[in-house]
Amino acid sequence: MNTNNITKKRLYAALITACLSSAVFAQTSEPAATPATHADKKAAKAQAKADKKAAVAQAKADKSKTDAQADADKANADANLKDAKKQ
């Protein structure tokens, strides 16, 4: 009976040790973020400027497309009206 009790204690100790050691290995330390250098800041600023220019260009293209579609719709409506008057 005494050896059975000692075996259980050893088993529990081994399980606890295994759990604790796996918890330690599961923790990952994130590498420290490197501070932004002047070149990084300059590149980020240039990227933001380029993104803004691209957004403006896209907005202009969308407006042109919308205007062209509106003109086409108006021309189609005029043609339909003229065709309806002929009948």
Protein backbone atom coordinates (compact mmCIF):
# COMPACT_ATOMS: atom_id res chain seq x y z
CA MET A 1 0.00 0.00 0.00
CA ASN A 2 2.80 2.37 0.85
CA THR A 3 4.59 1.81 -2.48
CA ASN A 4 1.33 2.39 -4.35
CA ASN A 5 0.91 5.74 -2.58
CA ILE A 6 4.51 6.75 -3.40
CA THR A 7 3.98 5.78 -7.05
CA LYS A 8 0.87 7.97 -7.23
CA LYS A 9 2.75 10.92 -5.73
CA ARG A 10 5.56 10.48 -8.26
CA LEU A 11 3.05 10.26 -11.08
CA TYR A 12 1.29 13.43 -9.94
CA ALA A 13 4.61 15.23 -9.55
CA ALA A 14 5.63 14.18 -13.06
CA LEU A 15 2.32 15.39 -14.50
CA ILE A 16 2.56 18.74 -12.72
CA THR A 17 6.15 19.16 -13.89
CA ALA A 18 5.15 18.34 -17.46
CA CYS A 19 2.32 20.86 -17.38
CA LEU A 20 4.52 23.60 -16.00
CA SER A 21 7.34 22.96 -18.44
CA SER A 22 4.97 22.94 -21.43
CA ALA A 23 3.46 26.22 -20.24
CA VAL A 24 6.91 27.78 -20.13
CA PHE A 25 7.72 26.61 -23.65
CA ALA A 26 4.32 27.74 -24.95
CA GLN A 27 5.03 31.33 -23.99
CA THR A 28 6.57 33.14 -26.91
CA SER A 29 8.40 36.33 -26.40
CA GLU A 30 7.75 38.85 -29.12
CA PRO A 31 10.85 40.50 -30.43
CA ALA A 32 11.16 44.10 -29.42
CA ALA A 33 9.94 46.42 -32.13
CA THR A 34 12.79 48.30 -33.66
CA PRO A 35 12.39 52.04 -33.42
CA ALA A 36 11.48 53.73 -36.67
CA THR A 37 14.47 55.28 -38.33
CA HIS A 38 14.43 58.54 -40.24
CA ALA A 39 14.40 56.61 -43.51
CA ASP A 40 11.42 54.55 -42.34
CA LYS A 41 9.52 57.68 -41.39
CA LYS A 42 10.37 59.29 -44.71
CA ALA A 43 9.26 56.20 -46.62
CA ALA A 44 5.99 56.05 -44.67
CA LYS A 45 5.34 59.71 -45.42
CA ALA A 46 6.04 59.18 -49.12
CA GLN A 47 3.75 56.14 -49.14
CA ALA A 48 0.96 58.13 -47.49
CA LYS A 49 1.40 60.87 -50.08
CA ALA A 50 1.29 58.33 -52.92
CA ASP A 51 -1.81 56.71 -51.43
CA LYS A 52 -3.53 60.10 -51.26
CA LYS A 53 -2.63 60.87 -54.87
CA ALA A 54 -3.93 57.47 -55.95
CA ALA A 55 -7.18 58.06 -54.08
CA VAL A 56 -7.64 61.45 -55.76
CA ALA A 57 -6.89 59.96 -59.17
CA GLN A 58 -9.40 57.15 -58.55
CA ALA A 59 -12.05 59.66 -57.47
CA LYS A 60 -11.47 61.68 -60.65
CA ALA A 61 -11.70 58.54 -62.77
CA ASP A 62 -14.91 57.54 -61.03
CA LYS A 63 -16.37 61.00 -61.60
CA SER A 64 -15.42 60.91 -65.29
CA LYS A 65 -16.97 57.47 -65.64
CA THR A 66 -20.15 58.65 -63.90
CA ASP A 67 -20.32 61.74 -66.10
CA ALA A 68 -19.80 59.68 -69.24
CA GLN A 69 -22.52 57.24 -68.16
CA ALA A 70 -24.88 60.14 -67.44
CA ASP A 71 -24.19 61.59 -70.90
CA ALA A 72 -24.82 58.20 -72.50
CA ASP A 73 -28.05 57.79 -70.55
CA LYS A 74 -29.20 61.26 -71.62
CA ALA A 75 -28.37 60.54 -75.25
CA ASN A 76 -30.28 57.25 -75.03
CA ALA A 77 -33.27 58.99 -73.46
CA ASP A 78 -33.22 61.67 -76.18
CA ALA A 79 -33.08 58.99 -78.86
CA ASN A 80 -35.97 57.14 -77.27
CA LEU A 81 -37.98 60.36 -77.08
CA LYS A 82 -37.27 61.19 -80.72
CA ASP A 83 -38.22 57.63 -81.72
CA ALA A 84 -41.43 57.85 -79.69
CA LYS A 85 -42.39 61.15 -81.39
CA LYS A 86 -41.97 59.53 -84.83
CA GLN A 87 -44.52 56.90 -84.02
